[in-house]
Amino acid sequence: MCESTNNTHLLVYPIEGSGHIIPLLDLTHLLLRRGLTITIIISPSNLPLLDPLISSYPSSLHKLVFPDTAHRPSSHPLIAKVIATQQLFDPIVRWFESHPSPPVAIVSDFFLGWTNELASHLGIKRVVFSPSGALGSSIFHMLWQKQPEINALNSDGHESFFLSLPEIPNSPGFPWWQLSPLWRSFKKGDPDSESFRKGMLANMNSWGIVYNTFEDLEGVYIDHMKKQIGHDRVWAVGPLLPDEHGQVVTIGRGGSSAVPPDELLLWLDKKPDDSVVYICFESRGTLNENEMSALTGTLELSNVDFILCVKASDSGFIPSGFVDRVGGRGFIVKGWAPQLVILRHRAVGSFVTHCGWNSTMEGVVAGVMMLTWPQGADQYANEKLLVDQLGVGKRVCEGGPESVPDSVELAQLLAESLSCDRPERVKIKELSQSANEAVKEGTSARDLDMFNKQLSEL
């Protein structure tokens, strides 16, 4: 795709959290390549994430730095964070009014629903960026839209109560404990809860929605959201991942690796094709002591080579002597790992994942079988998509409050997941090809060009 120049100015507003900011920066990169001028609202702590883009587009990318906003106690930490961002309403207005060429639209994270009102005040368009897939966000919107009715169905709050959502294609259903903790933390009459719900509902009144997904993956849910929002300004532009921009960008994507990437790659280079299981619960995922014990017990029982990535704060749960007992079969990363580099390496054949949407997309593009261990948020919906609908994954553990996998069964599944004739592996290779075609010349490239065109027409 050749770069174009259209001088359209866009304001981009991510929310804190790597799972949200990283894909929105990937979208920003694609729009900069198409000639847009972009100002991004960012906190001082996240400034380093902009360095690669600023060095590549010094005249097109500008930063609007606001100090971290003060949080007050709320029913959920994320709700507190979102409410705190509303303190920037007036400072953004002042910046906008003093700018010689202000933006024509704001693209903001779907948790920042209040920016719909901000855009209206400024007389510009607001576009929702969804870091969740179309299925996950369909469910999330339905929960907020029908909050009173759904709560009335389970007025006693039984954790085992099963909620079916027949309004959504394929009628997904979930036991109560699998529903978003953020949604379950809602307190009727609480100002912060009510404000957050108002923002979630405002998303559906925005000018448009951008999804990090593609038609072959979620076409039925993309169409569903177009019907829900009442127009066709719903663009599926994913997978939003580095591709042609070099391994250096890929390695540094999202932060510095906790281990030297060369050391990790040297270890992988010595392994046969499709012989390594990669295990990671992403930046905010965590395992308790019982879960870690079951997982490490599995890895000791199995004969597979593996990379185990754990949060630095969770590394104390790794049993004493585990590293010595697994020897050269295992590589442990305590902290941030260059996940894209790992997944795309020829030696990696399967991926034990919490089913966060970024990890889901990265696993799909890499073409590795996914072994699902969801823990919250939209992850149970993503698991249904991967396992039940697409047939590219297998359940490992449902991640319930007291649930741990059986070590013997899981050890067998890890070994089987590396077998080239497993149907899930065949299907994920096909889906990987569809994903790559979508962003190069297919539906995602088409939607991104259309999004760019409609912004330019503003």
Protein backbone atom coordinates (compact mmCIF):
# COMPACT_ATOMS: atom_id res chain seq x y z
CA MET A 1 0.00 0.00 0.00
CA CYS A 2 1.53 3.32 -1.05
CA GLU A 3 1.48 6.16 1.42
CA SER A 4 -0.99 8.95 0.65
CA THR A 5 -1.26 12.49 1.89
CA ASN A 6 -4.62 13.93 2.84
CA ASN A 7 -3.74 16.27 5.76
CA THR A 8 -6.66 14.98 7.83
CA HIS A 9 -6.01 15.57 11.53
CA LEU A 10 -7.17 12.87 13.94
CA LEU A 11 -7.16 12.80 17.76
CA VAL A 12 -6.43 9.33 19.20
CA TYR A 13 -7.17 8.55 22.84
CA PRO A 14 -6.18 5.13 24.27
CA ILE A 15 -6.80 4.07 27.84
CA GLU A 16 -4.06 2.78 30.14
CA GLY A 17 -3.29 -0.93 29.83
CA SER A 18 -1.13 -2.75 27.31
CA GLY A 19 -4.03 -4.80 25.94
CA HIS A 20 -5.78 -1.56 24.96
CA ILE A 21 -3.00 0.82 24.01
CA ILE A 22 -0.87 -1.54 21.88
CA PRO A 23 -3.50 -2.36 19.20
CA LEU A 24 -4.60 1.29 19.03
CA LEU A 25 -0.97 2.26 18.39
CA ASP A 26 -0.88 -0.39 15.65
CA LEU A 27 -3.93 1.27 14.08
CA THR A 28 -2.27 4.67 14.48
CA HIS A 29 0.75 3.32 12.59
CA LEU A 30 -1.42 2.22 9.65
CA LEU A 31 -3.19 5.60 9.51
CA LEU A 32 0.13 7.46 9.63
CA ARG A 33 1.29 5.38 6.67
CA ARG A 34 -1.78 6.60 4.81
CA GLY A 35 -0.83 10.24 5.35
CA LEU A 36 -3.01 11.31 8.28
CA THR A 37 -1.80 13.75 10.92
CA ILE A 38 -2.41 12.33 14.37
CA THR A 39 -2.30 13.73 17.88
CA ILE A 40 -2.34 11.08 20.58
CA ILE A 41 -3.38 11.71 24.19
CA ILE A 42 -0.94 9.91 26.44
CA SER A 43 0.36 9.81 30.00
CA PRO A 44 4.05 10.28 30.86
CA SER A 45 4.41 6.61 31.84
CA ASN A 46 3.38 5.45 28.34
CA LEU A 47 5.51 7.91 26.38
CA PRO A 48 8.21 5.29 25.60
CA LEU A 49 5.62 3.28 23.64
CA LEU A 50 5.43 6.15 21.15
CA ASP A 51 9.17 6.33 20.44
CA PRO A 52 9.19 3.97 17.41
CA LEU A 53 6.29 5.84 15.77
CA ILE A 54 7.63 9.31 16.50
CA SER A 55 11.02 8.42 15.05
CA SER A 56 9.31 7.17 11.86
CA TYR A 57 6.75 9.99 11.56
CA PRO A 58 8.25 13.04 13.32
CA SER A 59 6.16 15.57 11.40
CA SER A 60 2.87 13.64 11.40
CA LEU A 61 2.57 12.28 14.93
CA HIS A 62 2.14 14.67 17.86
CA LYS A 63 1.62 13.92 21.51
CA LEU A 64 -0.72 15.59 23.96
CA VAL A 65 0.69 14.68 27.36
CA PHE A 66 -1.48 14.94 30.44
CA PRO A 67 -0.32 13.83 33.89
CA ASP A 68 -1.92 10.72 35.34
CA THR A 69 -5.35 11.60 36.71
CA ALA A 70 -6.12 11.01 40.36
CA HIS A 71 -8.41 8.04 41.10
CA ARG A 72 -10.97 7.92 43.86
CA PRO A 73 -12.35 4.70 45.36
CA SER A 74 -14.99 3.06 43.20
CA SER A 75 -16.82 -0.24 42.77
CA HIS A 76 -14.14 -1.50 40.35
CA PRO A 77 -10.57 -0.30 39.67
CA LEU A 78 -11.25 0.12 35.94
CA ILE A 79 -14.37 2.16 36.59
CA ALA A 80 -12.29 4.39 38.88
CA LYS A 81 -9.71 4.79 36.11
CA VAL A 82 -12.35 5.69 33.51
CA ILE A 83 -14.09 8.19 35.80
CA ALA A 84 -10.73 9.81 36.49
CA THR A 85 -10.11 10.39 32.77
CA GLN A 86 -13.20 12.60 32.63
CA GLN A 87 -11.12 15.25 34.40
CA LEU A 88 -9.49 15.85 31.00
CA PHE A 89 -12.71 17.05 29.35
CA ASP A 90 -11.98 20.77 29.85
CA PRO A 91 -8.20 20.58 29.17
CA ILE A 92 -8.90 18.81 25.85
CA VAL A 93 -11.48 21.45 24.94
CA ARG A 94 -8.96 24.23 25.64
CA TRP A 95 -6.31 22.48 23.55
CA PHE A 96 -8.79 21.99 20.70
CA GLU A 97 -9.97 25.61 20.71
CA SER A 98 -6.40 26.94 20.62
CA HIS A 99 -5.23 24.63 17.83
CA PRO A 100 -4.77 26.26 14.38
CA SER A 101 -5.92 23.07 12.62
CA PRO A 102 -7.93 20.98 15.09
CA PRO A 103 -8.85 17.34 14.47
CA VAL A 104 -11.96 16.35 12.53
CA ALA A 105 -12.59 13.27 14.67
CA ILE A 106 -11.54 11.48 17.83
CA VAL A 107 -10.81 7.75 17.91
CA SER A 108 -11.04 6.57 21.51
CA ASP A 109 -11.04 3.30 23.41
CA PHE A 110 -14.47 1.77 24.01
CA PHE A 111 -14.09 2.26 27.76
CA LEU A 112 -13.94 6.02 27.15
CA GLY A 113 -17.60 6.33 26.21
CA TRP A 114 -17.74 9.83 27.72
CA THR A 115 -15.69 11.09 24.76
CA ASN A 116 -18.86 10.79 22.68
CA GLU A 117 -20.15 13.79 24.62
CA LEU A 118 -16.76 15.48 24.24
CA ALA A 119 -16.88 15.04 20.46
CA SER A 120 -20.41 16.43 20.33
CA HIS A 121 -19.29 19.48 22.35
CA LEU A 122 -16.40 20.04 19.93
CA GLY A 123 -18.56 19.53 16.85
CA ILE A 124 -16.50 16.57 15.56
CA LYS A 125 -17.10 12.85 15.05
CA ARG A 126 -16.27 10.17 17.60
CA VAL A 127 -15.11 6.72 16.50
CA VAL A 128 -15.02 3.84 18.99
CA PHE A 129 -11.92 1.65 18.94
CA SER A 130 -12.72 -1.81 20.29
CA PRO A 131 -9.77 -3.83 21.63
CA SER A 132 -12.23 -6.73 21.96
CA GLY A 133 -13.58 -8.73 19.07
CA ALA A 134 -17.05 -8.25 17.61
CA LEU A 135 -18.49 -11.21 19.56
CA GLY A 136 -17.03 -10.02 22.87
CA SER A 137 -18.22 -6.47 22.40
CA SER A 138 -21.68 -7.66 21.25
CA ILE A 139 -22.05 -9.51 24.54
CA PHE A 140 -20.64 -6.64 26.57
CA HIS A 141 -23.04 -4.15 24.97
CA MET A 142 -25.99 -6.46 25.48
CA LEU A 143 -25.16 -6.81 29.18
CA TRP A 144 -25.04 -3.05 29.69
CA GLN A 145 -28.07 -2.37 27.52
CA LYS A 146 -30.24 -4.89 29.40
CA GLN A 147 -28.65 -4.47 32.82
CA PRO A 148 -31.94 -4.24 34.81
CA GLU A 149 -33.66 -7.13 33.02
CA ILE A 150 -30.66 -9.46 33.23
CA ASN A 151 -30.08 -8.74 36.91
CA ALA A 152 -33.76 -9.41 37.58
CA LEU A 153 -33.39 -12.89 36.08
CA ASN A 154 -30.85 -13.73 38.78
CA SER A 155 -31.90 -11.46 41.61
CA ASP A 156 -30.27 -13.75 44.18
CA GLY A 157 -26.92 -13.60 42.38
CA HIS A 158 -26.38 -17.36 42.12
CA GLU A 159 -22.97 -17.99 40.54
CA SER A 160 -24.22 -21.07 38.67
CA PHE A 161 -27.18 -19.26 37.05
CA PHE A 162 -26.93 -19.75 33.27
CA LEU A 163 -27.58 -16.73 31.07
CA SER A 164 -28.47 -17.26 27.42
CA LEU A 165 -28.29 -14.41 24.92
CA PRO A 166 -30.47 -15.51 21.96
CA GLU A 167 -30.41 -12.01 20.43
CA ILE A 168 -26.76 -12.54 19.48
CA PRO A 169 -25.88 -14.92 16.59
CA ASN A 170 -25.25 -18.51 17.72
CA SER A 171 -27.04 -17.72 21.02
CA PRO A 172 -24.01 -17.66 23.32
CA GLY A 173 -24.65 -18.53 26.97
CA PHE A 174 -22.60 -18.36 30.14
CA PRO A 175 -22.85 -19.28 33.80
CA TRP A 176 -23.06 -16.13 35.93
CA TRP A 177 -19.49 -16.41 37.22
CA GLN A 178 -18.14 -16.17 33.67
CA LEU A 179 -19.78 -12.80 33.01
CA SER A 180 -17.54 -9.75 33.09
CA PRO A 181 -16.52 -8.84 36.68
CA LEU A 182 -16.70 -5.22 35.56
CA TRP A 183 -20.37 -5.64 34.64
CA ARG A 184 -21.13 -7.63 37.80
CA SER A 185 -19.60 -4.87 39.94
CA PHE A 186 -22.32 -2.41 38.80
CA LYS A 187 -24.18 -0.79 41.70
CA LYS A 188 -27.53 0.75 40.84
CA GLY A 189 -27.67 4.35 42.01
CA ASP A 190 -23.91 4.61 42.48
CA PRO A 191 -22.80 7.73 40.52
CA ASP A 192 -19.63 6.13 39.17
CA SER A 193 -21.38 2.93 38.09
CA GLU A 194 -24.18 4.88 36.43
CA SER A 195 -21.69 7.16 34.66
CA PHE A 196 -19.73 4.19 33.35
CA ARG A 197 -22.88 2.48 32.06
CA LYS A 198 -23.89 5.71 30.34
CA GLY A 199 -20.55 5.71 28.57
CA MET A 200 -20.93 2.11 27.45
CA LEU A 201 -24.34 2.86 25.98
CA ALA A 202 -22.97 6.00 24.30
CA ASN A 203 -20.64 3.82 22.25
CA MET A 204 -23.60 2.65 20.20
CA ASN A 205 -24.43 6.28 19.34
CA SER A 206 -20.97 7.03 18.02
CA TRP A 207 -20.27 7.89 14.39
CA GLY A 208 -18.51 4.57 13.86
CA ILE A 209 -16.68 1.59 15.37
CA VAL A 210 -13.29 0.13 14.43
CA TYR A 211 -12.65 -3.52 15.28
CA ASN A 212 -9.37 -5.38 15.49
CA THR A 213 -10.81 -8.41 13.69
CA PHE A 214 -11.55 -9.64 10.17
CA GLU A 215 -14.54 -11.00 8.28
CA ASP A 216 -13.50 -14.64 7.97
CA LEU A 217 -13.07 -14.73 11.74
CA GLU A 218 -16.17 -12.83 12.91
CA GLY A 219 -18.26 -11.88 9.89
CA VAL A 220 -21.58 -12.83 11.48
CA TYR A 221 -20.85 -10.66 14.54
CA ILE A 222 -19.64 -7.72 12.47
CA ASP A 223 -22.95 -7.80 10.60
CA HIS A 224 -24.79 -8.07 13.92
CA MET A 225 -23.09 -4.92 15.22
CA LYS A 226 -23.96 -3.04 12.05
CA LYS A 227 -27.61 -3.89 12.68
CA GLN A 228 -27.32 -2.88 16.34
CA ILE A 229 -25.69 0.46 15.59
CA GLY A 230 -28.02 1.16 12.68
CA HIS A 231 -25.48 1.94 9.94
CA ASP A 232 -22.51 0.48 8.06
CA ARG A 233 -19.73 2.57 9.61
CA VAL A 234 -18.31 -0.51 11.32
CA TRP A 235 -14.82 -1.27 10.05
CA ALA A 236 -13.03 -4.57 10.68
CA VAL A 237 -9.37 -3.75 10.02
CA GLY A 238 -7.50 -6.52 11.83
CA PRO A 239 -5.35 -8.27 12.65
CA LEU A 240 -3.61 -5.11 13.85
CA LEU A 241 -0.09 -6.50 14.13
CA PRO A 242 3.35 -5.51 12.86
CA ASP A 243 4.08 -7.25 9.59
CA GLU A 244 6.44 -5.62 7.15
CA HIS A 245 8.04 -3.20 9.59
CA GLY A 246 10.89 -5.38 10.80
CA GLN A 247 11.66 -7.61 13.74
CA VAL A 248 13.06 -4.75 15.85
CA VAL A 249 9.63 -3.16 16.05
CA THR A 250 8.07 -6.56 16.79
CA ILE A 251 10.51 -7.32 19.60
CA GLY A 252 9.99 -3.95 21.26
CA ARG A 253 6.23 -3.91 20.79
CA GLY A 254 4.60 -3.10 24.11
CA GLY A 255 7.78 -2.81 26.17
CA SER A 256 11.21 -4.22 26.79
CA SER A 257 11.60 -7.98 27.05
CA ALA A 258 12.37 -9.38 30.51
CA VAL A 259 15.01 -11.61 28.89
CA PRO A 260 17.47 -10.78 26.08
CA PRO A 261 15.55 -11.57 22.85
CA ASP A 262 18.73 -13.00 21.26
CA GLU A 263 19.02 -15.52 24.09
CA LEU A 264 15.40 -16.58 23.65
CA LEU A 265 15.73 -16.89 19.87
CA LEU A 266 18.95 -18.87 20.18
CA TRP A 267 17.11 -21.36 22.43
CA LEU A 268 14.22 -21.62 19.95
CA ASP A 269 16.54 -21.97 16.94
CA LYS A 270 17.86 -25.23 18.41
CA LYS A 271 14.39 -26.79 18.57
CA PRO A 272 12.66 -28.75 15.76
CA ASP A 273 9.70 -27.27 13.92
CA ASP A 274 6.40 -27.31 15.84
CA SER A 275 7.97 -28.86 18.94
CA VAL A 276 7.52 -26.09 21.54
CA VAL A 277 4.46 -25.18 23.62
CA TYR A 278 4.28 -21.49 24.53
CA ILE A 279 2.44 -20.71 27.80
CA CYS A 280 1.49 -17.15 28.65
CA PHE A 281 -1.38 -15.39 30.42
CA GLU A 282 -0.38 -11.95 29.09
CA SER A 283 0.36 -8.76 30.99
CA ARG A 284 -2.48 -8.82 33.51
CA GLY A 285 -3.12 -12.57 33.61
CA THR A 286 -2.06 -14.36 36.74
CA LEU A 287 -2.13 -17.84 38.26
CA ASN A 288 -2.64 -18.61 41.93
CA GLU A 289 -0.42 -21.05 43.77
CA ASN A 290 -2.67 -24.09 43.13
CA GLU A 291 -2.93 -23.31 39.42
CA MET A 292 0.83 -22.81 39.11
CA SER A 293 1.44 -26.09 40.95
CA ALA A 294 -0.85 -27.95 38.54
CA LEU A 295 0.78 -26.31 35.52
CA THR A 296 4.36 -26.94 36.59
CA GLY A 297 3.43 -30.49 37.58
CA THR A 298 2.07 -30.96 34.07
CA LEU A 299 5.25 -29.66 32.50
CA GLU A 300 7.37 -32.02 34.59
CA LEU A 301 5.20 -35.00 33.59
CA SER A 302 5.24 -34.14 29.91
CA ASN A 303 8.18 -34.55 27.58
CA VAL A 304 7.45 -31.39 25.60
CA ASP A 305 9.74 -28.41 25.19
CA PHE A 306 8.11 -25.23 26.46
CA ILE A 307 8.40 -21.52 27.12
CA LEU A 308 6.63 -20.46 30.31
CA CYS A 309 6.00 -16.75 30.71
CA VAL A 310 4.84 -15.59 34.16
CA LYS A 311 4.43 -12.21 35.78
CA ALA A 312 7.44 -11.29 37.86
CA SER A 313 5.16 -11.05 40.90
CA ASP A 314 3.96 -14.65 40.33
CA SER A 315 7.40 -16.21 39.91
CA GLY A 316 7.49 -17.08 43.63
CA PHE A 317 4.78 -19.68 42.95
CA ILE A 318 7.16 -21.70 40.75
CA PRO A 319 8.14 -24.74 42.89
CA SER A 320 11.69 -24.98 44.15
CA GLY A 321 13.88 -27.06 41.86
CA PHE A 322 11.42 -26.94 38.93
CA VAL A 323 13.87 -25.25 36.56
CA ASP A 324 16.58 -27.83 37.29
CA ARG A 325 14.20 -30.76 36.89
CA VAL A 326 12.96 -29.72 33.43
CA GLY A 327 16.48 -28.79 32.30
CA GLY A 328 16.88 -27.75 28.67
CA ARG A 329 13.24 -28.56 27.85
CA GLY A 330 12.06 -25.34 29.46
CA PHE A 331 12.70 -21.61 29.11
CA ILE A 332 11.21 -19.40 31.84
CA VAL A 333 10.43 -15.71 31.26
CA LYS A 334 9.66 -13.71 34.41
CA GLY A 335 8.00 -10.56 33.10
CA TRP A 336 7.24 -9.15 29.64
CA ALA A 337 7.98 -11.47 26.72
CA PRO A 338 8.28 -10.63 22.99
CA GLN A 339 5.18 -12.68 22.28
CA LEU A 340 4.91 -12.01 18.55
CA VAL A 341 8.47 -13.14 17.97
CA ILE A 342 7.89 -16.30 19.98
CA LEU A 343 4.59 -17.25 18.34
CA ARG A 344 5.91 -16.64 14.82
CA HIS A 345 8.98 -18.81 15.32
CA ARG A 346 8.89 -22.05 13.33
CA ALA A 347 9.59 -24.10 16.50
CA VAL A 348 6.38 -23.06 18.30
CA GLY A 349 3.41 -25.32 17.59
CA SER A 350 0.82 -24.59 20.27
CA PHE A 351 -0.14 -21.84 22.69
CA VAL A 352 -1.64 -22.14 26.20
CA THR A 353 -3.50 -18.84 26.43
CA HIS A 354 -5.94 -16.95 28.63
CA CYS A 355 -7.79 -15.94 25.41
CA GLY A 356 -7.30 -12.20 25.69
CA TRP A 357 -8.19 -10.70 22.32
CA ASN A 358 -4.67 -9.53 21.44
CA SER A 359 -3.29 -12.99 22.22
CA THR A 360 -6.14 -14.55 20.26
CA MET A 361 -5.30 -12.49 17.19
CA GLU A 362 -1.57 -13.14 17.56
CA GLY A 363 -2.18 -16.88 17.85
CA VAL A 364 -4.44 -16.89 14.80
CA VAL A 365 -1.90 -15.04 12.66
CA ALA A 366 0.90 -17.32 13.83
CA GLY A 367 -1.17 -20.38 12.96
CA VAL A 368 -0.63 -22.19 16.27
CA MET A 369 -3.21 -24.41 17.95
CA MET A 370 -4.63 -22.72 21.03
CA LEU A 371 -5.15 -24.42 24.39
CA THR A 372 -7.61 -22.20 26.22
CA TRP A 373 -7.51 -21.20 29.89
CA PRO A 374 -9.73 -18.08 30.20
CA GLN A 375 -9.87 -16.09 33.41
CA GLY A 376 -12.31 -13.19 32.96
CA ALA A 377 -13.38 -10.16 30.88
CA ASP A 378 -14.22 -11.20 27.28
CA GLN A 379 -12.06 -14.33 27.46
CA TYR A 380 -14.86 -16.88 27.86
CA ALA A 381 -16.54 -15.47 24.75
CA ASN A 382 -13.27 -15.68 22.84
CA GLU A 383 -12.88 -19.28 23.97
CA LYS A 384 -16.32 -20.14 22.57
CA LEU A 385 -15.30 -18.60 19.25
CA LEU A 386 -11.99 -20.48 19.08
CA VAL A 387 -13.13 -23.88 20.38
CA ASP A 388 -16.83 -24.26 19.60
CA GLN A 389 -17.27 -22.20 16.45
CA LEU A 390 -13.93 -22.17 14.64
CA GLY A 391 -12.51 -25.48 15.90
CA VAL A 392 -8.96 -24.15 16.24
CA GLY A 393 -8.53 -24.71 19.98
CA LYS A 394 -9.08 -27.09 22.86
CA ARG A 395 -10.16 -26.30 26.42
CA VAL A 396 -7.50 -26.73 29.10
CA CYS A 397 -9.20 -25.21 32.13
CA GLU A 398 -12.29 -23.07 32.66
CA GLY A 399 -10.49 -20.92 35.19
CA GLY A 400 -13.19 -21.08 37.85
CA PRO A 401 -12.50 -19.99 41.43
CA GLU A 402 -11.33 -23.45 42.52
CA SER A 403 -10.64 -25.02 39.15
CA VAL A 404 -7.26 -26.51 38.24
CA PRO A 405 -6.47 -28.82 35.32
CA ASP A 406 -5.65 -32.49 35.80
CA SER A 407 -1.88 -32.70 35.31
CA VAL A 408 -1.90 -36.12 33.62
CA GLU A 409 -4.64 -35.16 31.15
CA LEU A 410 -3.04 -31.80 30.41
CA ALA A 411 0.39 -33.38 29.86
CA GLN A 412 -1.17 -35.67 27.26
CA LEU A 413 -2.96 -32.75 25.59
CA LEU A 414 0.25 -30.70 25.39
CA ALA A 415 1.96 -33.55 23.57
CA GLU A 416 -1.01 -34.12 21.25
CA SER A 417 -1.25 -30.40 20.43
CA LEU A 418 2.09 -30.64 18.64
CA SER A 419 0.91 -33.42 16.34
CA CYS A 420 0.67 -32.17 12.77
CA ASP A 421 -2.49 -34.17 12.00
CA ARG A 422 -4.70 -32.69 14.73
CA PRO A 423 -7.79 -31.13 13.05
CA GLU A 424 -7.37 -27.94 15.11
CA ARG A 425 -3.90 -27.43 13.67
CA VAL A 426 -5.14 -27.89 10.11
CA LYS A 427 -7.94 -25.35 10.66
CA ILE A 428 -5.72 -22.76 12.37
CA LYS A 429 -3.28 -22.87 9.43
CA GLU A 430 -6.17 -22.09 7.08
CA LEU A 431 -7.40 -19.28 9.32
CA SER A 432 -3.88 -17.86 9.53
CA GLN A 433 -3.74 -17.66 5.75
CA SER A 434 -7.13 -15.88 5.71
CA ALA A 435 -5.89 -13.38 8.30
CA ASN A 436 -2.80 -12.52 6.30
CA GLU A 437 -4.79 -12.18 3.09
CA ALA A 438 -7.33 -9.92 4.83
CA VAL A 439 -4.75 -7.29 5.78
CA LYS A 440 -2.76 -7.43 2.56
CA GLU A 441 -5.40 -7.29 -0.15
CA GLY A 442 -8.62 -8.49 1.40
CA THR A 443 -11.51 -7.30 3.52
CA SER A 444 -9.45 -5.62 6.26
CA ALA A 445 -7.40 -3.63 3.74
CA ARG A 446 -10.68 -2.62 2.08
CA ASP A 447 -12.22 -1.52 5.38
CA LEU A 448 -9.11 0.42 6.39
CA ASP A 449 -9.09 2.25 3.05
CA MET A 450 -12.80 3.01 3.45
CA PHE A 451 -12.25 4.29 7.00
CA ASN A 452 -9.41 6.49 5.80
CA LYS A 453 -11.54 7.80 2.93
CA GLN A 454 -14.53 8.62 5.12
CA LEU A 455 -12.30 10.42 7.62
CA SER A 456 -10.78 12.46 4.81
CA GLU A 457 -14.23 13.47 3.63
CA LEU A 458 -14.94 15.03 7.03
